[in-house]
Protein backbone atom coordinates (compact mmCIF):
# COMPACT_ATOMS: atom_id res chain seq x y z
CA MET A 1 -153.00 84.51 31.85
CA THR A 2 -154.91 82.33 29.23
CA TYR A 3 -152.99 81.30 25.65
CA ALA A 4 -155.44 79.03 23.82
CA ILE A 5 -159.18 79.10 22.83
CA PRO A 6 -161.02 78.28 20.86
CA VAL A 7 -163.66 79.33 17.98
CA PRO A 8 -166.64 77.27 18.56
CA LEU A 9 -169.62 76.17 16.11
CA PRO A 10 -173.28 76.75 17.21
CA SER A 11 -174.53 73.64 18.59
CA ALA A 12 -178.16 75.01 17.66
CA LEU A 13 -176.44 74.97 14.35
CA VAL A 14 -174.98 72.27 13.75
CA ASP A 15 -177.73 70.19 14.80
CA HIS A 16 -179.71 72.19 13.01
CA HIS A 17 -178.17 71.30 9.93
CA ALA A 18 -177.22 68.25 10.85
CA VAL A 19 -173.55 68.39 9.97
CA ASP A 20 -171.05 65.96 9.66
CA LEU A 21 -168.24 67.54 11.47
CA GLU A 22 -166.19 64.15 10.81
CA ARG A 23 -166.19 64.81 7.06
CA ASN A 24 -163.40 66.33 4.84
CA TYR A 25 -163.74 69.68 3.50
CA SER A 26 -162.94 67.88 0.41
CA ASP A 27 -166.18 66.82 0.67
CA GLY A 28 -167.77 70.64 -0.12
CA TRP A 29 -167.96 72.09 3.44
CA GLY A 30 -165.50 74.80 6.21
CA VAL A 31 -164.87 76.39 8.43
CA ARG A 32 -162.87 79.48 8.32
CA VAL A 33 -161.60 81.91 10.45
CA ASP A 34 -161.63 85.30 9.37
CA ASP A 35 -160.74 88.32 11.93
CA VAL A 36 -160.37 89.10 15.77
CA ALA A 37 -160.98 92.62 17.33
CA THR A 38 -160.76 93.56 20.85
CA ALA A 39 -162.00 95.63 23.09
CA PRO A 40 -160.15 97.99 25.89
CA SER A 41 -161.95 96.66 28.00
CA GLY A 42 -160.57 93.07 27.78
CA GLU A 43 -163.77 90.79 25.25
CA MET A 44 -162.66 89.81 22.49
CA TYR A 45 -164.89 89.48 18.75
CA VAL A 46 -164.60 86.46 16.20
CA LEU A 47 -165.53 86.90 12.25
CA HIS A 48 -165.73 83.26 11.32
CA GLY A 49 -167.40 81.48 9.40
CA VAL A 50 -169.20 78.10 7.47
CA TYR A 51 -170.62 77.24 4.38
CA ARG A 52 -171.96 73.43 2.71
CA ALA A 53 -172.14 73.14 -0.48
CA HIS A 54 -174.19 69.97 -2.07
CA ARG A 55 -172.35 67.68 -4.47
CA VAL A 56 -173.95 65.45 -7.27
CA ASP A 57 -172.45 62.59 -5.01
CA ASP A 58 -174.79 63.10 -2.45
CA ASN A 59 -178.29 62.23 -4.28
CA GLY A 60 -179.85 60.19 -1.71
CA ALA A 61 -178.30 61.02 1.18
CA ASP A 62 -180.66 62.94 4.25
CA ALA A 63 -182.07 65.81 2.74
CA ALA A 64 -180.74 67.48 6.15
CA LYS A 65 -177.18 66.54 5.99
CA THR A 66 -177.11 67.90 1.60
CA VAL A 67 -178.72 71.61 1.82
CA ASN A 68 -176.66 74.22 0.30
CA PHE A 69 -175.65 77.03 3.33
CA GLY A 70 -173.67 79.92 4.17
CA TYR A 71 -173.64 81.71 7.72
CA SER A 72 -171.21 84.47 9.17
CA LEU A 73 -170.81 83.74 12.53
CA LEU A 74 -169.63 86.73 15.42
CA THR A 75 -168.54 85.35 19.04
CA ARG A 76 -168.14 87.23 21.82
CA TYR A 77 -165.24 86.19 24.55
CA ALA A 78 -164.51 87.81 28.12
CA PRO A 79 -161.44 88.47 29.25
CA ASP A 80 -160.16 85.81 30.42
CA GLY A 81 -161.93 83.33 26.93
CA ALA A 82 -165.26 82.32 28.06
CA VAL A 83 -167.99 82.10 25.35
CA LEU A 84 -169.88 84.82 25.87
CA ALA A 85 -172.05 84.45 22.72
CA THR A 86 -172.44 84.31 19.11
CA ALA A 87 -173.82 85.84 16.47
CA VAL A 88 -175.15 84.17 13.20
CA SER A 89 -176.79 85.81 9.30
CA GLY A 90 -177.90 83.73 6.39
CA GLN A 91 -176.07 83.86 3.13
CA SER A 92 -178.97 83.10 1.25
CA GLU A 93 -182.32 84.31 1.11
CA TYR A 94 -183.60 80.84 2.16
CA MET A 95 -181.45 81.45 5.84
CA ARG A 96 -182.40 84.66 6.17
CA GLN A 97 -186.14 83.73 6.59
CA ASP A 98 -185.29 80.72 8.13
CA THR A 99 -186.73 80.97 12.30
CA THR A 100 -185.05 78.54 13.54
CA LEU A 101 -181.50 79.89 15.34
CA GLY A 102 -183.72 82.54 16.31
CA GLY A 103 -185.87 85.05 14.34
CA PRO A 104 -185.64 85.96 10.71
CA THR A 105 -182.65 88.36 9.66
CA THR A 106 -182.34 91.95 8.58
CA GLY A 107 -181.44 90.82 5.32
CA LEU A 108 -177.46 91.64 5.77
CA GLY A 109 -176.15 87.97 4.96
CA GLU A 110 -174.96 88.17 1.31
CA GLU A 111 -173.25 91.18 2.27
CA LEU A 112 -172.01 89.95 6.01
CA TRP A 113 -170.94 86.29 4.51
CA TRP A 114 -168.30 88.57 2.42
CA ALA A 115 -167.11 89.85 5.43
CA LYS A 116 -163.23 89.66 5.51
CA GLY A 117 -162.43 92.69 8.87
CA LEU A 118 -163.30 93.63 11.76
CA CYS A 119 -163.03 95.91 14.71
CA VAL A 120 -163.45 97.98 17.85
CA LEU A 121 -164.63 100.81 17.49
CA PRO A 122 -164.45 103.62 20.75
CA ASP A 123 -168.41 103.35 21.96
CA GLY A 124 -168.03 99.85 21.72
CA THR A 125 -169.98 99.06 18.22
CA LEU A 126 -168.13 96.52 15.95
CA ALA A 127 -167.39 97.03 12.64
CA VAL A 128 -167.71 94.29 10.36
CA THR A 129 -165.98 95.37 6.65
CA ALA A 130 -165.87 93.82 3.58
CA PRO A 131 -164.53 93.67 0.05
CA ASN A 132 -166.37 96.55 -1.76
CA ASP A 133 -166.19 98.99 0.92
CA GLN A 134 -169.00 97.39 2.62
CA THR A 135 -168.87 98.21 6.42
CA HIS A 136 -171.91 97.18 8.58
CA LEU A 137 -172.39 98.29 12.61
CA VAL A 138 -172.63 96.12 15.41
CA THR A 139 -174.23 96.35 18.64
CA ALA A 140 -171.58 95.42 21.10
CA ASP A 141 -173.77 92.72 22.89
CA LEU A 142 -174.48 90.89 19.13
CA THR A 143 -178.49 91.59 19.31
CA ALA A 144 -178.48 93.81 16.37
CA VAL A 145 -177.33 95.74 13.12
CA THR A 146 -177.44 99.58 13.88
CA ALA A 147 -176.27 100.75 9.78
CA HIS A 148 -175.27 99.24 6.43
CA TYR A 149 -172.88 101.37 3.94
CA GLY A 150 -172.03 99.29 0.41
CA ALA A 151 -170.73 100.32 -2.67
CA SER A 152 -171.36 97.89 -6.35
CA ARG A 153 -169.58 95.46 -6.64
CA ARG A 154 -168.77 97.08 -10.77
CA ARG A 155 -168.23 100.28 -11.77
CA HIS A 156 -171.78 100.60 -14.22
CA GLU A 157 -174.54 98.33 -11.49
CA ASP A 158 -177.15 99.71 -10.90
CA GLY A 159 -178.57 100.38 -7.19
CA PRO A 160 -177.66 102.34 -4.24
CA SER A 161 -174.15 103.49 -3.41
CA ASP A 162 -172.51 104.08 -0.44
CA PRO A 163 -169.47 103.14 0.94
CA PHE A 164 -167.38 103.78 3.33
CA ALA A 165 -163.86 101.30 3.64
CA THR A 166 -163.42 97.86 3.31
CA TRP A 167 -160.25 98.16 6.09
CA ILE A 168 -160.33 99.41 9.22
CA SER A 169 -158.37 100.14 12.22
CA THR A 170 -158.46 102.92 15.01
CA THR A 171 -155.42 105.06 16.28
CA PRO A 172 -154.92 105.25 20.75
CA GLY A 173 -156.69 108.41 19.65
CA GLY A 174 -159.55 107.63 19.21
CA ARG A 175 -158.97 107.97 14.91
CA LEU A 176 -160.58 105.77 13.08
CA LEU A 177 -157.88 104.23 9.78
CA CYS A 178 -159.21 102.59 7.03
CA THR A 179 -158.78 101.53 3.22
CA THR A 180 -161.48 102.61 0.43
CA GLY A 181 -161.83 101.19 -3.55
CA GLU A 182 -162.16 102.75 -6.86
CA TYR A 183 -162.73 101.53 -9.69
CA GLY A 184 -160.12 101.37 -12.37
CA VAL A 185 -157.58 100.36 -11.04
CA TYR A 186 -155.25 98.07 -13.68
CA ASN A 187 -158.18 98.89 -15.81
CA TYR A 188 -159.93 96.98 -13.80
CA GLY A 189 -164.00 97.44 -13.00
CA SER A 190 -165.08 96.11 -9.73
CA LEU A 191 -163.48 98.11 -6.89
CA ILE A 192 -159.71 97.41 -5.57
CA GLY A 193 -158.94 99.23 -2.22
CA ASN A 194 -156.77 101.32 -3.38
CA ILE A 195 -156.55 104.54 -0.91
CA VAL A 196 -155.40 104.37 2.27
CA SER A 197 -156.98 107.13 4.28
CA LEU A 198 -158.54 108.77 8.16
CA THR A 199 -161.35 109.24 9.70
CA ASP A 200 -160.66 112.58 11.92
CA GLN A 201 -164.17 112.44 13.66
CA PRO A 202 -166.49 110.18 15.07
CA PHE A 203 -167.98 107.27 13.10
CA ALA A 204 -171.58 106.62 14.13
CA PRO A 205 -174.69 105.54 13.36
CA SER A 206 -176.05 108.32 12.72
CA ALA A 207 -173.15 110.28 11.43
CA LYS A 208 -170.73 108.48 9.01
CA PRO A 209 -167.60 110.81 8.87
CA SER A 210 -165.31 112.05 5.80
CA LEU A 211 -162.05 110.74 5.16
CA ARG A 212 -159.13 112.50 4.95
CA ALA A 213 -156.59 109.89 2.00
CA LEU A 214 -152.84 110.28 3.39
CA ALA A 215 -151.71 107.84 0.79
CA SER A 216 -152.70 105.89 -2.66
CA MET A 217 -151.31 102.36 -3.47
CA GLU A 218 -151.57 103.13 -7.62
CA ALA A 219 -151.33 106.91 -9.39
CA GLU A 220 -154.01 106.97 -12.19
CA PRO A 221 -156.18 104.53 -12.62
CA VAL A 222 -157.69 104.41 -15.68
CA LYS A 223 -160.96 106.22 -17.30
CA HIS A 224 -161.51 107.74 -14.42
CA THR A 225 -164.73 109.93 -14.79
CA GLU A 226 -167.00 112.59 -12.57
CA ALA A 227 -168.82 109.26 -11.96
CA ASP A 228 -166.44 107.77 -9.74
CA LEU A 229 -166.10 110.44 -7.72
CA ARG A 230 -166.46 109.41 -3.75
CA PRO A 231 -167.71 112.47 -1.81
CA GLY A 232 -166.76 111.42 1.30
CA VAL A 233 -163.29 110.21 0.84
CA LEU A 234 -161.37 113.23 0.04
CA PHE A 235 -157.62 115.29 -0.85
CA HIS A 236 -156.94 118.49 0.56
CA GLY A 237 -160.54 118.87 0.73
CA ARG A 238 -161.54 117.56 -2.24
CA PRO A 239 -163.43 114.29 -3.04
CA VAL A 240 -160.24 111.56 -4.40
CA GLY A 241 -160.93 110.92 -8.58
CA MET A 242 -159.82 111.25 -12.06
CA ASP A 243 -156.11 112.86 -11.59
CA HIS A 244 -156.87 114.45 -8.04
CA ARG A 245 -154.78 112.27 -5.20
CA PRO A 246 -151.86 111.48 -3.02
CA ARG A 247 -148.49 111.72 -5.23
CA PRO A 248 -146.52 109.94 -5.72
CA SER A 249 -148.60 106.73 -5.34
CA LEU A 250 -147.03 104.35 -2.86
CA THR A 251 -145.29 102.42 -5.94
CA GLU A 252 -143.69 105.16 -7.22
CA HIS A 253 -141.97 105.43 -3.72
CA LEU A 254 -140.81 102.15 -3.44
CA THR A 255 -139.58 102.04 -7.48
CA ALA A 256 -137.55 104.72 -6.18
CA LEU A 257 -136.23 103.69 -4.20
CA GLU A 258 -135.08 100.00 -5.33
CA LEU A 259 -132.88 100.58 -7.45
CA THR A 260 -133.88 97.21 -9.38
CA ALA A 261 -137.33 97.18 -9.58
CA THR A 262 -139.23 99.02 -12.53
CA GLN A 263 -142.93 100.11 -12.78
CA TYR A 264 -143.55 96.84 -13.70
CA ASP A 265 -142.47 94.74 -10.97
CA TRP A 266 -145.28 96.77 -8.91
CA HIS A 267 -148.02 96.36 -11.64
CA ASP A 268 -150.82 94.41 -10.17
CA ALA A 269 -150.20 94.66 -6.97
CA ARG A 270 -152.54 95.02 -3.95
CA LEU A 271 -152.87 96.37 -1.13
CA GLY A 272 -153.42 94.63 1.78
CA ARG A 273 -154.91 96.18 5.56
CA PRO A 274 -152.52 99.00 7.35
CA ALA A 275 -151.61 98.61 11.68
CA VAL A 276 -151.63 101.69 13.70
CA VAL A 277 -148.17 101.94 14.90
CA ARG A 278 -148.79 104.75 17.11
CA GLU A 279 -150.81 107.75 16.72
CA ASP A 280 -149.17 110.38 13.84
CA LEU A 281 -147.54 106.65 12.05
CA PHE A 282 -148.77 103.83 10.47
CA VAL A 283 -147.55 100.81 8.47
CA VAL A 284 -148.95 99.51 4.92
CA PRO A 285 -149.02 95.44 3.21
CA VAL A 286 -147.75 95.47 -0.33
CA PHE A 287 -147.73 92.77 -2.50
CA GLY A 288 -147.00 92.30 -6.23
CA HIS A 289 -148.85 90.04 -8.22
CA ILE A 290 -150.17 87.49 -7.64
CA TYR A 291 -149.06 83.57 -10.11
CA ARG A 292 -150.55 81.17 -11.17
CA GLY A 293 -147.76 78.93 -11.51
CA GLY A 294 -146.54 80.54 -7.58
CA SER A 295 -145.06 84.08 -6.57
CA ARG A 296 -142.78 83.10 -4.31
CA GLY A 297 -140.13 86.26 -4.82
CA GLN A 298 -142.38 88.22 -5.81
CA ARG A 299 -141.60 92.46 -4.86
CA PHE A 300 -143.17 92.98 -1.31
CA ALA A 301 -142.97 96.01 1.50
CA PHE A 302 -144.69 97.08 3.98
CA VAL A 303 -144.40 101.20 4.01
CA LEU A 304 -144.84 103.42 6.60
CA VAL A 305 -146.70 106.60 6.48
CA SER A 306 -147.09 109.55 9.61
CA ASP A 307 -151.31 111.07 9.74
CA GLU A 308 -150.01 113.96 7.52
CA GLY A 309 -149.38 111.36 3.95
CA GLU A 310 -145.57 112.22 3.78
CA PHE A 311 -144.01 108.43 2.43
CA VAL A 312 -141.71 107.73 5.82
CA GLY A 313 -140.47 104.39 4.74
CA GLN A 314 -140.23 100.57 5.12
CA LEU A 315 -139.31 97.85 7.10
CA GLY A 316 -136.02 96.05 6.06
CA GLY A 317 -134.93 93.17 7.27
CA MET A 318 -136.49 90.50 4.61
CA HIS A 319 -135.25 88.58 1.96
CA LEU A 320 -137.78 88.98 -1.66
CA HIS A 321 -137.06 85.22 -1.68
CA ARG A 322 -136.39 83.41 1.75
CA ASP A 323 -139.30 85.50 3.81
CA SER A 324 -141.91 85.52 1.08
CA PRO A 325 -145.52 86.63 2.66
CA PHE A 326 -146.27 85.21 -0.78
CA THR A 327 -146.03 81.42 0.41
CA GLY A 328 -149.40 80.60 2.04
CA PHE A 329 -150.37 84.28 1.29
CA CYS A 330 -149.70 85.67 5.05
CA PHE A 331 -149.51 89.95 4.57
CA GLU A 332 -150.92 90.33 8.13
CA VAL A 333 -148.87 92.90 9.82
CA ALA A 334 -150.40 93.80 13.46
CA ALA A 335 -148.43 96.93 15.87
CA ASP A 336 -148.87 97.45 19.36
CA PRO A 337 -149.22 101.53 19.46
CA GLU A 338 -148.08 101.03 23.64
CA ARG A 339 -144.55 100.21 22.85
CA GLU A 340 -144.20 100.96 19.13
CA ARG A 341 -143.65 97.58 18.00
CA ILE A 342 -144.63 96.05 14.23
CA TYR A 343 -145.42 91.79 14.37
CA HIS A 344 -145.37 89.88 11.60
CA LEU A 345 -145.64 85.96 10.90
CA ASN A 346 -145.56 84.27 7.42
CA ARG A 347 -144.73 80.64 6.83
CA TYR A 348 -140.95 81.09 7.68
CA GLY A 349 -140.33 83.57 10.44
CA LEU A 350 -141.90 85.53 12.88
CA PHE A 351 -140.85 89.51 12.28
CA ALA A 352 -140.22 92.30 15.21
CA TRP A 353 -139.67 96.25 14.19
CA THR A 354 -139.07 98.76 16.11
CA ALA A 355 -141.38 101.84 15.29
CA THR A 356 -138.39 103.36 12.91
CA GLY A 357 -138.33 100.31 10.68
CA ILE A 358 -135.85 98.52 11.82
CA ARG A 359 -135.50 94.30 11.91
CA ALA A 360 -135.11 93.63 15.48
CA GLN A 361 -136.15 90.20 15.53
CA ARG A 362 -136.74 87.01 13.39
CA LEU A 363 -137.95 83.96 14.97
CA ASP A 364 -136.40 80.99 12.19
CA LEU A 365 -139.80 78.48 11.86
CA GLU A 366 -137.23 75.75 10.75
CA ASP A 367 -136.08 75.61 14.21
CA LYS A 368 -138.10 72.84 16.19
CA ARG A 369 -139.06 75.61 19.05
CA TYR A 370 -141.21 77.61 16.69
CA LYS A 371 -141.95 75.21 14.46
CA LEU A 372 -145.84 75.35 15.60
CA LEU A 373 -146.47 78.71 14.54
CA LYS A 374 -146.27 77.63 10.84
CA HIS A 375 -150.21 76.51 11.49
CA PHE A 376 -151.11 79.98 12.49
CA THR A 377 -152.23 83.20 10.67
CA LEU A 378 -151.19 86.95 12.60
CA LYS A 379 -154.75 88.80 13.13
CA ASP A 380 -154.46 91.10 15.97
CA CYS A 381 -151.98 93.17 18.48
CA THR A 382 -154.70 93.73 21.20
CA PRO A 383 -154.33 97.01 23.28
CA ALA A 384 -152.95 95.85 26.58
CA GLY A 385 -150.47 94.35 23.94
CA GLU A 386 -151.71 90.44 23.30
CA LEU A 387 -150.39 89.09 19.57
CA ILE A 388 -153.37 86.77 18.95
CA LEU A 389 -152.86 84.37 16.48
CA VAL A 390 -155.12 82.04 15.05
CA HIS A 391 -154.16 78.47 13.65
CA ARG A 392 -155.64 77.51 10.68
CA THR A 393 -157.09 73.70 10.67
CA GLN A 394 -157.44 73.18 14.74
CA HIS A 395 -159.71 76.68 15.65
CA LEU A 396 -157.68 77.90 18.31
CA MET A 397 -156.29 81.10 19.03
CA LEU A 398 -153.27 81.27 20.57
CA ARG A 399 -152.49 84.90 22.97
CA ILE A 400 -149.24 86.21 23.43
CA PRO A 401 -147.80 88.66 25.61
CA CYS A 402 -146.37 91.40 23.86
CA PRO A 403 -142.78 91.37 25.50
CA ALA A 404 -141.88 94.11 26.72
CA VAL A 405 -137.92 94.53 25.67
CA LEU A 406 -137.95 92.78 21.96
CA GLY A 407 -135.18 90.99 22.37
CA ASP A 408 -136.91 89.36 24.65
CA LEU A 409 -139.68 87.74 22.57
CA SER A 410 -137.70 84.18 21.82
CA GLN A 411 -138.43 83.14 25.04
CA VAL A 412 -141.33 84.29 25.42
CA MET A 413 -142.58 82.27 22.36
CA GLU A 414 -141.19 79.43 23.92
CA ASP A 415 -143.10 80.07 27.47
CA ALA A 416 -145.93 80.71 24.90
CA LEU A 417 -146.24 77.40 22.59
CA ARG A 418 -145.78 75.27 25.51
CA SER A 419 -148.02 77.22 28.15
CA TYR A 420 -150.90 75.78 24.61
CA ALA A 421 -149.85 72.93 24.04
CA LYS A 422 -150.32 72.04 27.53
CA GLU A 423 -153.61 73.84 27.21
CA ARG A 424 -154.97 72.43 24.35
CA THR A 425 -155.19 68.85 25.76
CA ALA A 426 -157.01 71.03 27.93
CA LEU A 427 -159.09 71.92 25.84
CA LYS A 428 -159.94 68.55 24.40
CA LYS A 429 -160.55 66.97 27.18
CA GLN A 430 -163.04 69.72 28.34
CA TRP A 431 -164.79 70.28 24.90
CA GLN A 432 -164.05 66.84 23.18
CA PRO A 433 -164.22 67.59 19.78
CA VAL A 434 -165.09 66.53 16.53
CA ASN A 435 -161.74 66.00 13.88
CA TRP A 436 -160.96 69.45 15.93
CA HIS A 437 -164.46 71.08 15.20
CA TRP A 438 -165.40 73.58 18.87
CA VAL A 439 -168.77 73.09 19.50
CA ASN A 440 -170.84 74.78 22.12
CA GLY A 441 -174.29 75.38 23.19
CA ALA A 442 -174.34 77.52 26.75
CA ALA A 443 -173.73 80.79 24.87
CA PRO A 444 -177.16 82.63 23.61
CA LEU A 445 -177.32 82.46 20.06
CA HIS A 446 -178.79 85.73 17.87
CA ARG A 447 -179.55 86.40 14.58
CA LEU A 448 -178.32 89.60 12.35
């Protein structure tokens, strides 16, 4: 099995913009990895991006090395980790019309640039999602965008509004677990994720399914009107909005459960990406307000919700301060429906739970055997039962098999990290990366 897999930049993009890979990110450019998704066939997809912003002290430099740009990239991998193709979408109108990297785009660049989520739908189509319930459908071979859905960023902005979801995950039975936004949450004028919902019909470019609301994070968004109703998001057969939504809300449940908590502790909370534990059970991250001066010790919870909207409980065994996900903003959870396991990684530990919410493992990242994990973000659990982690600075993926018995997690992790270190050394000799930037010129490059 391959443990270490690079996330590369297309050589055509690097050459066209004369990207100096040795420059520090503080000089106004950067590369990010947003999400990873795996198809049942074993093929993997990575959503990542690269940008560069003009700096005042760049005046007089070569224009090719200073022009602004921003691209979202989709890279497709074979099951063995080989790069099969990359698709690129430009952020600005200028980049959308530039034909150097494979022809003009369809005009989705700015929306796709903000994309954060990636999901492989049951028919193999990719769903790329972004805030404001932006959803793009992309063919599995990365050659075309087949549909686009989105809403206005502000409550009273003019323009077309046909949103779908901000996050999407698939269940083993092919249903879609989603989050959608509402205007007026905490009196904000922009869309904020507030509803966890489920589809009972397939998603196709010509047939967007309706969403059945399971849970709401905040119970009473402010000043809702008929104009704020979402005809595609239903609760008991009627559109969610105003005073019609699942109650009690998740924050109301959490306040009632925790004797030392008050409703204020959950004011300005946020909804993370839900994960599928099994066909009828999901885990939903909810985390409190983020403060500029630091939020370690703030309240957070990983809530278990059934496919009928029942509040089942929450994941236990985490300390608000000692295990805080606010350090580094590590709120991701991944689940293995085959074994009904749940995983979470933050700067303090790797955690594993059973489907009942009982913590089965905590690997302390201060232990030198697991300390390398501090540099990774948990992104996915594949249909084959493999955890996918992404190194935050070295642009490498770490693929780890989930143990059949959670008691074996520590040994599996030790073995994976040793193999990863050896494979990383071999990859450096093969790819010759510059400052941990991997460049690929062999795979086909498509333009979205």
